Amino acid sequence: IYAQQVELRQIDDIGPSGQERVERDINRCKKVLSDLGADP
């Protein structure tokens, strides 16, 4: 899921709200993965 969100970050025609959602989801994935013990 994190990798997919990083790919979505590269899309430039999803508008500001789309970019905000992608960033929010990336941060959520980072938090979950960090809590699971993934290497930051």
Full PDB file with SEQRES, HELIX, SHEET, SSBOND, CRYST1, ORIGX, SCALE, CONECT and MASTER records, all heavy atoms in Angstrom:
SEQRES   1 A   40  ILE TYR ALA GLN GLN VAL GLU LEU ARG GLN ILE ASP ASP          
SEQRES   2 A   40  ILE GLY PRO SER GLY GLN GLU ARG VAL GLU ARG ASP ILE          
SEQRES   3 A   40  ASN ARG CYS LYS LYS VAL LEU SER ASP LEU GLY ALA ASP          
SEQRES   4 A   40  PRO                                                          
HELIX    1 AA1 TYR A    2  ARG A    9  1                                   8    
HELIX    2 AA2 GLY A   15  ASP A   35  1                                  21    
CRYST1    1.000    1.000    1.000  90.00  90.00  90.00 P 1           1          
ORIGX1      1.000000  0.000000  0.000000        0.00000                         
ORIGX2      0.000000  1.000000  0.000000        0.00000                         
ORIGX3      0.000000  0.000000  1.000000        0.00000                         
SCALE1      1.000000  0.000000  0.000000        0.00000                         
SCALE2      0.000000  1.000000  0.000000        0.00000                         
SCALE3      0.000000  0.000000  1.000000        0.00000                         
ATOM      1  N   ILE A   1       0.849  -1.200   0.000  1.00  0.00           N  
ATOM      2  CA  ILE A   1       0.000   0.000   0.000  1.00  0.00           C  
ATOM      3  C   ILE A   1       0.882   1.247   0.000  1.00  0.00           C  
ATOM      4  O   ILE A   1       0.636   2.199  -0.747  1.00  0.00           O  
ATOM      5  CB  ILE A   1      -0.944   0.002   1.218  1.00  0.00           C  
ATOM      6  CG1 ILE A   1      -1.958  -1.142   1.101  1.00  0.00           C  
ATOM      7  CG2 ILE A   1      -1.659   1.350   1.352  1.00  0.00           C  
ATOM      8  CD1 ILE A   1      -2.766  -1.382   2.370  1.00  0.00           C  
ATOM      9  N   TYR A   2       1.921   1.222   0.809  1.00  0.00           N  
ATOM     10  CA  TYR A   2       2.844   2.352   0.874  1.00  0.00           C  
ATOM     11  C   TYR A   2       3.491   2.605  -0.494  1.00  0.00           C  
ATOM     12  O   TYR A   2       3.530   3.740  -0.976  1.00  0.00           O  
ATOM     13  CB  TYR A   2       3.903   2.095   1.940  1.00  0.00           C  
ATOM     14  CG  TYR A   2       4.928   3.182   2.053  1.00  0.00           C  
ATOM     15  CD1 TYR A   2       4.640   4.374   2.709  1.00  0.00           C  
ATOM     16  CD2 TYR A   2       6.193   3.037   1.497  1.00  0.00           C  
ATOM     17  CE1 TYR A   2       5.577   5.376   2.809  1.00  0.00           C  
ATOM     18  CE2 TYR A   2       7.136   4.035   1.598  1.00  0.00           C  
ATOM     19  CZ  TYR A   2       6.826   5.206   2.253  1.00  0.00           C  
ATOM     20  OH  TYR A   2       7.752   6.207   2.337  1.00  0.00           O  
ATOM     21  N   ALA A   3       3.960   1.548  -1.139  1.00  0.00           N  
ATOM     22  CA  ALA A   3       4.599   1.687  -2.456  1.00  0.00           C  
ATOM     23  C   ALA A   3       3.619   2.266  -3.475  1.00  0.00           C  
ATOM     24  O   ALA A   3       3.996   3.113  -4.293  1.00  0.00           O  
ATOM     25  CB  ALA A   3       5.126   0.329  -2.926  1.00  0.00           C  
ATOM     26  N   GLN A   4       2.375   1.839  -3.429  1.00  0.00           N  
ATOM     27  CA  GLN A   4       1.365   2.371  -4.347  1.00  0.00           C  
ATOM     28  C   GLN A   4       1.138   3.854  -4.100  1.00  0.00           C  
ATOM     29  O   GLN A   4       0.995   4.635  -5.053  1.00  0.00           O  
ATOM     30  CB  GLN A   4       0.053   1.612  -4.195  1.00  0.00           C  
ATOM     31  CG  GLN A   4       0.127   0.192  -4.696  1.00  0.00           C  
ATOM     32  CD  GLN A   4      -1.101  -0.613  -4.323  1.00  0.00           C  
ATOM     33  OE1 GLN A   4      -1.946  -0.177  -3.538  1.00  0.00           O  
ATOM     34  NE2 GLN A   4      -1.197  -1.802  -4.866  1.00  0.00           N  
ATOM     35  N   GLN A   5       1.107   4.251  -2.841  1.00  0.00           N  
ATOM     36  CA  GLN A   5       0.902   5.662  -2.522  1.00  0.00           C  
ATOM     37  C   GLN A   5       2.076   6.513  -3.002  1.00  0.00           C  
ATOM     38  O   GLN A   5       1.888   7.629  -3.482  1.00  0.00           O  
ATOM     39  CB  GLN A   5       0.673   5.846  -1.014  1.00  0.00           C  
ATOM     40  CG  GLN A   5      -0.606   5.232  -0.506  1.00  0.00           C  
ATOM     41  CD  GLN A   5      -1.828   5.764  -1.205  1.00  0.00           C  
ATOM     42  OE1 GLN A   5      -2.005   6.965  -1.370  1.00  0.00           O  
ATOM     43  NE2 GLN A   5      -2.692   4.868  -1.633  1.00  0.00           N  
ATOM     44  N   VAL A   6       3.282   5.981  -2.880  1.00  0.00           N  
ATOM     45  CA  VAL A   6       4.459   6.702  -3.362  1.00  0.00           C  
ATOM     46  C   VAL A   6       4.358   6.883  -4.881  1.00  0.00           C  
ATOM     47  O   VAL A   6       4.689   7.947  -5.410  1.00  0.00           O  
ATOM     48  CB  VAL A   6       5.761   5.979  -2.950  1.00  0.00           C  
ATOM     49  CG1 VAL A   6       6.962   6.570  -3.645  1.00  0.00           C  
ATOM     50  CG2 VAL A   6       5.930   6.046  -1.435  1.00  0.00           C  
ATOM     51  N   GLU A   7       3.882   5.861  -5.583  1.00  0.00           N  
ATOM     52  CA  GLU A   7       3.671   5.993  -7.030  1.00  0.00           C  
ATOM     53  C   GLU A   7       2.628   7.061  -7.328  1.00  0.00           C  
ATOM     54  O   GLU A   7       2.801   7.860  -8.255  1.00  0.00           O  
ATOM     55  CB  GLU A   7       3.223   4.659  -7.628  1.00  0.00           C  
ATOM     56  CG  GLU A   7       4.317   3.641  -7.750  1.00  0.00           C  
ATOM     57  CD  GLU A   7       3.817   2.344  -8.370  1.00  0.00           C  
ATOM     58  OE1 GLU A   7       2.922   2.396  -9.242  1.00  0.00           O  
ATOM     59  OE2 GLU A   7       4.321   1.287  -7.973  1.00  0.00           O  
ATOM     60  N   LEU A   8       1.543   7.085  -6.556  1.00  0.00           N  
ATOM     61  CA  LEU A   8       0.496   8.088  -6.774  1.00  0.00           C  
ATOM     62  C   LEU A   8       1.019   9.502  -6.567  1.00  0.00           C  
ATOM     63  O   LEU A   8       0.535  10.445  -7.191  1.00  0.00           O  
ATOM     64  CB  LEU A   8      -0.680   7.839  -5.829  1.00  0.00           C  
ATOM     65  CG  LEU A   8      -1.590   6.678  -6.179  1.00  0.00           C  
ATOM     66  CD1 LEU A   8      -2.608   6.457  -5.067  1.00  0.00           C  
ATOM     67  CD2 LEU A   8      -2.293   6.923  -7.505  1.00  0.00           C  
ATOM     68  N   ARG A   9       1.997   9.652  -5.703  1.00  0.00           N  
ATOM     69  CA  ARG A   9       2.583  10.961  -5.431  1.00  0.00           C  
ATOM     70  C   ARG A   9       3.143  11.583  -6.720  1.00  0.00           C  
ATOM     71  O   ARG A   9       3.197  12.810  -6.849  1.00  0.00           O  
ATOM     72  CB  ARG A   9       3.692  10.805  -4.395  1.00  0.00           C  
ATOM     73  CG  ARG A   9       4.351  12.089  -4.003  1.00  0.00           C  
ATOM     74  CD  ARG A   9       5.542  11.823  -3.128  1.00  0.00           C  
ATOM     75  NE  ARG A   9       5.178  11.914  -1.726  1.00  0.00           N  
ATOM     76  CZ  ARG A   9       5.941  11.483  -0.741  1.00  0.00           C  
ATOM     77  NH1 ARG A   9       7.089  10.910  -0.986  1.00  0.00           N  
ATOM     78  NH2 ARG A   9       5.555  11.615   0.510  1.00  0.00           N  
ATOM     79  N   GLN A  10       3.547  10.756  -7.672  1.00  0.00           N  
ATOM     80  CA  GLN A  10       4.143  11.239  -8.917  1.00  0.00           C  
ATOM     81  C   GLN A  10       3.115  11.772  -9.914  1.00  0.00           C  
ATOM     82  O   GLN A  10       3.465  12.443 -10.873  1.00  0.00           O  
ATOM     83  CB  GLN A  10       4.950  10.117  -9.582  1.00  0.00           C  
ATOM     84  CG  GLN A  10       6.016   9.512  -8.691  1.00  0.00           C  
ATOM     85  CD  GLN A  10       6.949  10.545  -8.089  1.00  0.00           C  
ATOM     86  OE1 GLN A  10       7.441  11.424  -8.778  1.00  0.00           O  
ATOM     87  NE2 GLN A  10       7.169  10.448  -6.789  1.00  0.00           N  
ATOM     88  N   ILE A  11       1.836  11.469  -9.700  1.00  0.00           N  
ATOM     89  CA  ILE A  11       0.785  11.923 -10.615  1.00  0.00           C  
ATOM     90  C   ILE A  11       0.513  13.396 -10.347  1.00  0.00           C  
ATOM     91  O   ILE A  11       0.234  13.788  -9.215  1.00  0.00           O  
ATOM     92  CB  ILE A  11      -0.492  11.079 -10.431  1.00  0.00           C  
ATOM     93  CG1 ILE A  11      -0.199   9.623 -10.772  1.00  0.00           C  
ATOM     94  CG2 ILE A  11      -1.617  11.632 -11.291  1.00  0.00           C  
ATOM     95  CD1 ILE A  11      -1.348   8.689 -10.478  1.00  0.00           C  
ATOM     96  N   ASP A  12       0.581  14.202 -11.399  1.00  0.00           N  
ATOM     97  CA  ASP A  12       0.444  15.640 -11.191  1.00  0.00           C  
ATOM     98  C   ASP A  12      -0.924  16.191 -11.573  1.00  0.00           C  
ATOM     99  O   ASP A  12      -1.161  17.382 -11.465  1.00  0.00           O  
ATOM    100  CB  ASP A  12       1.542  16.393 -11.938  1.00  0.00           C  
ATOM    101  CG  ASP A  12       1.510  16.144 -13.427  1.00  0.00           C  
ATOM    102  OD1 ASP A  12       0.653  15.393 -13.910  1.00  0.00           O  
ATOM    103  OD2 ASP A  12       2.378  16.718 -14.122  1.00  0.00           O  
ATOM    104  N   ASP A  13      -1.849  15.349 -12.005  1.00  0.00           N  
ATOM    105  CA  ASP A  13      -3.153  15.875 -12.409  1.00  0.00           C  
ATOM    106  C   ASP A  13      -4.296  15.436 -11.483  1.00  0.00           C  
ATOM    107  O   ASP A  13      -5.446  15.386 -11.889  1.00  0.00           O  
ATOM    108  CB  ASP A  13      -3.469  15.489 -13.853  1.00  0.00           C  
ATOM    109  CG  ASP A  13      -3.614  13.993 -14.057  1.00  0.00           C  
ATOM    110  OD1 ASP A  13      -3.259  13.231 -13.157  1.00  0.00           O  
ATOM    111  OD2 ASP A  13      -4.097  13.596 -15.141  1.00  0.00           O  
ATOM    112  N   ILE A  14      -3.972  15.151 -10.230  1.00  0.00           N  
ATOM    113  CA  ILE A  14      -5.025  14.750  -9.291  1.00  0.00           C  
ATOM    114  C   ILE A  14      -5.475  15.918  -8.406  1.00  0.00           C  
ATOM    115  O   ILE A  14      -6.341  15.752  -7.563  1.00  0.00           O  
ATOM    116  CB  ILE A  14      -4.603  13.539  -8.420  1.00  0.00           C  
ATOM    117  CG1 ILE A  14      -3.380  13.840  -7.570  1.00  0.00           C  
ATOM    118  CG2 ILE A  14      -4.382  12.318  -9.279  1.00  0.00           C  
ATOM    119  CD1 ILE A  14      -3.015  12.730  -6.596  1.00  0.00           C  
ATOM    120  N   GLY A  15      -4.900  17.072  -8.625  1.00  0.00           N  
ATOM    121  CA  GLY A  15      -5.318  18.267  -7.900  1.00  0.00           C  
ATOM    122  C   GLY A  15      -4.790  18.313  -6.475  1.00  0.00           C  
ATOM    123  O   GLY A  15      -4.257  17.336  -5.959  1.00  0.00           O  
ATOM    124  N   PRO A  16      -4.972  19.472  -5.852  1.00  0.00           N  
ATOM    125  CA  PRO A  16      -4.473  19.664  -4.494  1.00  0.00           C  
ATOM    126  C   PRO A  16      -5.105  18.707  -3.473  1.00  0.00           C  
ATOM    127  O   PRO A  16      -4.419  18.187  -2.599  1.00  0.00           O  
ATOM    128  CB  PRO A  16      -4.824  21.112  -4.158  1.00  0.00           C  
ATOM    129  CG  PRO A  16      -5.110  21.767  -5.461  1.00  0.00           C  
ATOM    130  CD  PRO A  16      -5.529  20.697  -6.410  1.00  0.00           C  
ATOM    131  N   SER A  17      -6.410  18.482  -3.584  1.00  0.00           N  
ATOM    132  CA  SER A  17      -7.051  17.596  -2.602  1.00  0.00           C  
ATOM    133  C   SER A  17      -6.589  16.155  -2.786  1.00  0.00           C  
ATOM    134  O   SER A  17      -6.419  15.415  -1.815  1.00  0.00           O  
ATOM    135  CB  SER A  17      -8.570  17.692  -2.670  1.00  0.00           C  
ATOM    136  OG  SER A  17      -9.030  17.308  -3.953  1.00  0.00           O  
ATOM    137  N   GLY A  18      -6.349  15.747  -4.034  1.00  0.00           N  
ATOM    138  CA  GLY A  18      -5.821  14.404  -4.294  1.00  0.00           C  
ATOM    139  C   GLY A  18      -4.421  14.249  -3.725  1.00  0.00           C  
ATOM    140  O   GLY A  18      -4.096  13.224  -3.118  1.00  0.00           O  
ATOM    141  N   GLN A  19      -3.596  15.274  -3.907  1.00  0.00           N  
ATOM    142  CA  GLN A  19      -2.238  15.243  -3.361  1.00  0.00           C  
ATOM    143  C   GLN A  19      -2.261  15.204  -1.831  1.00  0.00           C  
ATOM    144  O   GLN A  19      -1.478  14.481  -1.215  1.00  0.00           O  
ATOM    145  CB  GLN A  19      -1.432  16.456  -3.834  1.00  0.00           C  
ATOM    146  CG  GLN A  19      -1.009  16.380  -5.284  1.00  0.00           C  
ATOM    147  CD  GLN A  19       0.038  15.306  -5.529  1.00  0.00           C  
ATOM    148  OE1 GLN A  19       0.699  14.818  -4.621  1.00  0.00           O  
ATOM    149  NE2 GLN A  19       0.188  14.925  -6.779  1.00  0.00           N  
ATOM    150  N   GLU A  20      -3.171  15.972  -1.226  1.00  0.00           N  
ATOM    151  CA  GLU A  20      -3.286  15.947   0.235  1.00  0.00           C  
ATOM    152  C   GLU A  20      -3.662  14.558   0.730  1.00  0.00           C  
ATOM    153  O   GLU A  20      -3.122  14.078   1.730  1.00  0.00           O  
ATOM    154  CB  GLU A  20      -4.333  16.952   0.705  1.00  0.00           C  
ATOM    155  CG  GLU A  20      -3.875  18.386   0.651  1.00  0.00           C  
ATOM    156  CD  GLU A  20      -4.963  19.345   1.097  1.00  0.00           C  
ATOM    157  OE1 GLU A  20      -5.815  18.966   1.938  1.00  0.00           O  
ATOM    158  OE2 GLU A  20      -4.972  20.484   0.611  1.00  0.00           O  
ATOM    159  N   ARG A  21      -4.574  13.927   0.029  1.00  0.00           N  
ATOM    160  CA  ARG A  21      -4.991  12.578   0.434  1.00  0.00           C  
ATOM    161  C   ARG A  21      -3.832  11.595   0.317  1.00  0.00           C  
ATOM    162  O   ARG A  21      -3.624  10.755   1.190  1.00  0.00           O  
ATOM    163  CB  ARG A  21      -6.158  12.123  -0.434  1.00  0.00           C  
ATOM    164  CG  ARG A  21      -6.494  10.681  -0.238  1.00  0.00           C  
ATOM    165  CD  ARG A  21      -7.877  10.477   0.131  1.00  0.00           C  
ATOM    166  NE  ARG A  21      -8.081   9.091   0.526  1.00  0.00           N  
ATOM    167  CZ  ARG A  21      -9.238   8.528   0.532  1.00  0.00           C  
ATOM    168  NH1 ARG A  21     -10.294   9.215   0.197  1.00  0.00           N  
ATOM    169  NH2 ARG A  21      -9.371   7.287   0.911  1.00  0.00           N  
ATOM    170  N   VAL A  22      -3.087  11.687  -0.777  1.00  0.00           N  
ATOM    171  CA  VAL A  22      -1.933  10.798  -0.956  1.00  0.00           C  
ATOM    172  C   VAL A  22      -0.938  11.000   0.179  1.00  0.00           C  
ATOM    173  O   VAL A  22      -0.450  10.027   0.768  1.00  0.00           O  
ATOM    174  CB  VAL A  22      -1.270  11.030  -2.335  1.00  0.00           C  
ATOM    175  CG1 VAL A  22       0.076  10.338  -2.416  1.00  0.00           C  
ATOM    176  CG2 VAL A  22      -2.186  10.553  -3.456  1.00  0.00           C  
ATOM    177  N   GLU A  23      -0.628  12.245   0.513  1.00  0.00           N  
ATOM    178  CA  GLU A  23       0.318  12.521   1.595  1.00  0.00           C  
ATOM    179  C   GLU A  23      -0.210  12.000   2.933  1.00  0.00           C  
ATOM    180  O   GLU A  23       0.545  11.427   3.722  1.00  0.00           O  
ATOM    181  CB  GLU A  23       0.634  14.006   1.688  1.00  0.00           C  
ATOM    182  CG  GLU A  23       1.428  14.543   0.513  1.00  0.00           C  
ATOM    183  CD  GLU A  23       2.749  13.820   0.290  1.00  0.00           C  
ATOM    184  OE1 GLU A  23       3.447  13.493   1.279  1.00  0.00           O  
ATOM    185  OE2 GLU A  23       3.094  13.587  -0.878  1.00  0.00           O  
ATOM    186  N   ARG A  24      -1.498  12.182   3.170  1.00  0.00           N  
ATOM    187  CA  ARG A  24      -2.095  11.672   4.409  1.00  0.00           C  
ATOM    188  C   ARG A  24      -1.968  10.156   4.477  1.00  0.00           C  
ATOM    189  O   ARG A  24      -1.596   9.589   5.500  1.00  0.00           O  
ATOM    190  CB  ARG A  24      -3.564  12.072   4.484  1.00  0.00           C  
ATOM    191  CG  ARG A  24      -4.217  11.652   5.801  1.00  0.00           C  
ATOM    192  CD  ARG A  24      -5.705  11.702   5.761  1.00  0.00           C  
ATOM    193  NE  ARG A  24      -6.155  10.612   4.892  1.00  0.00           N  
ATOM    194  CZ  ARG A  24      -7.323  10.585   4.270  1.00  0.00           C  
ATOM    195  NH1 ARG A  24      -8.159  11.593   4.383  1.00  0.00           N  
ATOM    196  NH2 ARG A  24      -7.672   9.558   3.528  1.00  0.00           N  
ATOM    197  N   ASP A  25      -2.263   9.492   3.347  1.00  0.00           N  
ATOM    198  CA  ASP A  25      -2.188   8.034   3.318  1.00  0.00           C  
ATOM    199  C   ASP A  25      -0.755   7.530   3.442  1.00  0.00           C  
ATOM    200  O   ASP A  25      -0.499   6.506   4.078  1.00  0.00           O  
ATOM    201  CB  ASP A  25      -2.855   7.487   2.060  1.00  0.00           C  
ATOM    202  CG  ASP A  25      -4.366   7.705   2.070  1.00  0.00           C  
ATOM    203  OD1 ASP A  25      -4.927   8.033   3.138  1.00  0.00           O  
ATOM    204  OD2 ASP A  25      -4.990   7.538   0.999  1.00  0.00           O  
ATOM    205  N   ILE A  26       0.201   8.248   2.857  1.00  0.00           N  
ATOM    206  CA  ILE A  26       1.613   7.881   2.998  1.00  0.00           C  
ATOM    207  C   ILE A  26       2.016   7.969   4.471  1.00  0.00           C  
ATOM    208  O   ILE A  26       2.650   7.060   5.004  1.00  0.00           O  
ATOM    209  CB  ILE A  26       2.513   8.777   2.121  1.00  0.00           C  
ATOM    210  CG1 ILE A  26       2.391   8.351   0.660  1.00  0.00           C  
ATOM    211  CG2 ILE A  26       3.974   8.737   2.587  1.00  0.00           C  
ATOM    212  CD1 ILE A  26       3.107   9.259  -0.319  1.00  0.00           C  
ATOM    213  N   ASN A  27       1.627   9.039   5.125  1.00  0.00           N  
ATOM    214  CA  ASN A  27       1.966   9.199   6.543  1.00  0.00           C  
ATOM    215  C   ASN A  27       1.301   8.125   7.395  1.00  0.00           C  
ATOM    216  O   ASN A  27       1.910   7.616   8.342  1.00  0.00           O  
ATOM    217  CB  ASN A  27       1.600  10.596   7.029  1.00  0.00           C  
ATOM    218  CG  ASN A  27       2.518  11.645   6.459  1.00  0.00           C  
ATOM    219  OD1 ASN A  27       3.694  11.387   6.206  1.00  0.00           O  
ATOM    220  ND2 ASN A  27       1.996  12.832   6.229  1.00  0.00           N  
ATOM    221  N   ARG A  28       0.069   7.774   7.057  1.00  0.00           N  
ATOM    222  CA  ARG A  28      -0.619   6.714   7.798  1.00  0.00           C  
ATOM    223  C   ARG A  28       0.114   5.387   7.617  1.00  0.00           C  
ATOM    224  O   ARG A  28       0.326   4.646   8.573  1.00  0.00           O  
ATOM    225  CB  ARG A  28      -2.063   6.581   7.314  1.00  0.00           C  
ATOM    226  CG  ARG A  28      -2.829   5.507   8.064  1.00  0.00           C  
ATOM    227  CD  ARG A  28      -4.264   5.422   7.613  1.00  0.00           C  
ATOM    228  NE  ARG A  28      -4.950   6.661   7.946  1.00  0.00           N  
ATOM    229  CZ  ARG A  28      -5.949   7.162   7.239  1.00  0.00           C  
ATOM    230  NH1 ARG A  28      -6.371   6.546   6.155  1.00  0.00           N  
ATOM    231  NH2 ARG A  28      -6.541   8.271   7.600  1.00  0.00           N  
ATOM    232  N   CYS A  29       0.513   5.081   6.381  1.00  0.00           N  
ATOM    233  CA  CYS A  29       1.251   3.841   6.122  1.00  0.00           C  
ATOM    234  C   CYS A  29       2.576   3.827   6.870  1.00  0.00           C  
ATOM    235  O   CYS A  29       2.946   2.807   7.456  1.00  0.00           O  
ATOM    236  CB  CYS A  29       1.512   3.671   4.625  1.00  0.00           C  
ATOM    237  SG  CYS A  29       0.059   3.231   3.669  1.00  0.00           S  
ATOM    238  N   LYS A  30       3.287   4.946   6.859  1.00  0.00           N  
ATOM    239  CA  LYS A  30       4.556   5.027   7.585  1.00  0.00           C  
ATOM    240  C   LYS A  30       4.356   4.748   9.063  1.00  0.00           C  
ATOM    241  O   LYS A  30       5.144   4.035   9.685  1.00  0.00           O  
ATOM    242  CB  LYS A  30       5.194   6.412   7.424  1.00  0.00           C  
ATOM    243  CG  LYS A  30       5.892   6.627   6.123  1.00  0.00           C  
ATOM    244  CD  LYS A  30       6.516   8.014   6.114  1.00  0.00           C  
ATOM    245  CE  LYS A  30       7.258   8.302   4.852  1.00  0.00           C  
ATOM    246  NZ  LYS A  30       7.841   9.646   4.840  1.00  0.00           N  
ATOM    247  N   LYS A  31       3.287   5.300   9.639  1.00  0.00           N  
ATOM    248  CA  LYS A  31       3.007   5.098  11.062  1.00  0.00           C  
ATOM    249  C   LYS A  31       2.726   3.629  11.353  1.00  0.00           C  
ATOM    250  O   LYS A  31       3.290   3.052  12.280  1.00  0.00           O  
ATOM    251  CB  LYS A  31       1.809   5.973  11.464  1.00  0.00           C  
ATOM    252  CG  LYS A  31       1.253   5.700  12.839  1.00  0.00           C  
ATOM    253  CD  LYS A  31       2.128   6.284  13.920  1.00  0.00           C  
ATOM    254  CE  LYS A  31       1.420   6.209  15.261  1.00  0.00           C  
ATOM    255  NZ  LYS A  31       1.992   5.241  16.167  1.00  0.00           N  
ATOM    256  N   VAL A  32       1.860   3.017  10.558  1.00  0.00           N  
ATOM    257  CA  VAL A  32       1.528   1.607  10.772  1.00  0.00           C  
ATOM    258  C   VAL A  32       2.778   0.751  10.610  1.00  0.00           C  
ATOM    259  O   VAL A  32       3.070  -0.103  11.446  1.00  0.00           O  
ATOM    260  CB  VAL A  32       0.411   1.138   9.820  1.00  0.00           C  
ATOM    261  CG1 VAL A  32       0.242  -0.373   9.860  1.00  0.00           C  
ATOM    262  CG2 VAL A  32      -0.903   1.824  10.146  1.00  0.00           C  
ATOM    263  N   LEU A  33       3.535   0.993   9.544  1.00  0.00           N  
ATOM    264  CA  LEU A  33       4.737   0.197   9.307  1.00  0.00           C  
ATOM    265  C   LEU A  33       5.772   0.397  10.414  1.00  0.00           C  
ATOM    266  O   LEU A  33       6.416  -0.555  10.848  1.00  0.00           O  
ATOM    267  CB  LEU A  33       5.331   0.522   7.938  1.00  0.00           C  
ATOM    268  CG  LEU A  33       4.524  -0.029   6.772  1.00  0.00           C  
ATOM    269  CD1 LEU A  33       4.963   0.609   5.463  1.00  0.00           C  
ATOM    270  CD2 LEU A  33       4.641  -1.539   6.701  1.00  0.00           C  
ATOM    271  N   SER A  34       5.910   1.606  10.867  1.00  0.00           N  
ATOM    272  CA  SER A  34       6.835   1.879  11.971  1.00  0.00           C  
ATOM    273  C   SER A  34       6.384   1.139  13.228  1.00  0.00           C  
ATOM    274  O   SER A  34       7.200   0.527  13.925  1.00  0.00           O  
ATOM    275  CB  SER A  34       6.900   3.381  12.227  1.00  0.00           C  
ATOM    276  OG  SER A  34       7.697   3.662  13.335  1.00  0.00           O  
ATOM    277  N   ASP A  35       5.096   1.176  13.499  1.00  0.00           N  
ATOM    278  CA  ASP A  35       4.558   0.457  14.668  1.00  0.00           C  
ATOM    279  C   ASP A  35       4.763  -1.046  14.541  1.00  0.00           C  
ATOM    280  O   ASP A  35       4.891  -1.740  15.544  1.00  0.00           O  
ATOM    281  CB  ASP A  35       3.075   0.754  14.847  1.00  0.00           C  
ATOM    282  CG  ASP A  35       2.803   2.169  15.326  1.00  0.00           C  
ATOM    283  OD1 ASP A  35       3.762   2.872  15.707  1.00  0.00           O  
ATOM    284  OD2 ASP A  35       1.622   2.577  15.300  1.00  0.00           O  
ATOM    285  N   LEU A  36       4.790  -1.538  13.319  1.00  0.00           N  
ATOM    286  CA  LEU A  36       5.002  -2.966  13.092  1.00  0.00           C  
ATOM    287  C   LEU A  36       6.483  -3.338  13.128  1.00  0.00           C  
ATOM    288  O   LEU A  36       6.828  -4.505  13.026  1.00  0.00           O  
ATOM    289  CB  LEU A  36       4.397  -3.393  11.755  1.00  0.00           C  
ATOM    290  CG  LEU A  36       2.877  -3.366  11.670  1.00  0.00           C  
ATOM    291  CD1 LEU A  36       2.421  -3.674  10.247  1.00  0.00           C  
ATOM    292  CD2 LEU A  36       2.261  -4.339  12.665  1.00  0.00           C  
ATOM    293  N   GLY A  37       7.354  -2.335  13.238  1.00  0.00           N  
ATOM    294  CA  GLY A  37       8.782  -2.604  13.348  1.00  0.00           C  
ATOM    295  C   GLY A  37       9.552  -2.470  12.051  1.00  0.00           C  
ATOM    296  O   GLY A  37      10.711  -2.874  11.973  1.00  0.00           O  
ATOM    297  N   ALA A  38       8.924  -1.884  11.028  1.00  0.00           N  
ATOM    298  CA  ALA A  38       9.627  -1.681   9.762  1.00  0.00           C  
ATOM    299  C   ALA A  38      10.761  -0.683   9.956  1.00  0.00           C  
ATOM    300  O   ALA A  38      10.690   0.205  10.809  1.00  0.00           O  
ATOM    301  CB  ALA A  38       8.663  -1.170   8.687  1.00  0.00           C  
ATOM    302  N   ASP A  39      11.796  -0.829   9.160  1.00  0.00           N  
ATOM    303  CA  ASP A  39      12.958   0.047   9.229  1.00  0.00           C  
ATOM    304  C   ASP A  39      12.613   1.415   8.637  1.00  0.00           C  
ATOM    305  O   ASP A  39      12.362   1.512   7.437  1.00  0.00           O  
ATOM    306  CB  ASP A  39      14.108  -0.598   8.457  1.00  0.00           C  
ATOM    307  CG  ASP A  39      15.359   0.233   8.441  1.00  0.00           C  
ATOM    308  OD1 ASP A  39      15.443   1.228   9.188  1.00  0.00           O  
ATOM    309  OD2 ASP A  39      16.276  -0.126   7.675  1.00  0.00           O  
ATOM    310  N   PRO A  40      12.603   2.479   9.434  1.00  0.00           N  
ATOM    311  CA  PRO A  40      12.259   3.804   8.926  1.00  0.00           C  
ATOM    312  C   PRO A  40      13.208   4.291   7.833  1.00  0.00           C  
ATOM    313  O   PRO A  40      12.800   5.001   6.921  1.00  0.00           O  
ATOM    314  CB  PRO A  40      12.339   4.715  10.141  1.00  0.00           C  
ATOM    315  CG  PRO A  40      12.503   3.848  11.322  1.00  0.00           C  
ATOM    316  CD  PRO A  40      12.879   2.487  10.847  1.00  0.00           C  
TER     317      PRO A  40                                                      
MASTER        0    0    0    2    0    0    0    6  316    1    0    4          
END                                                                             
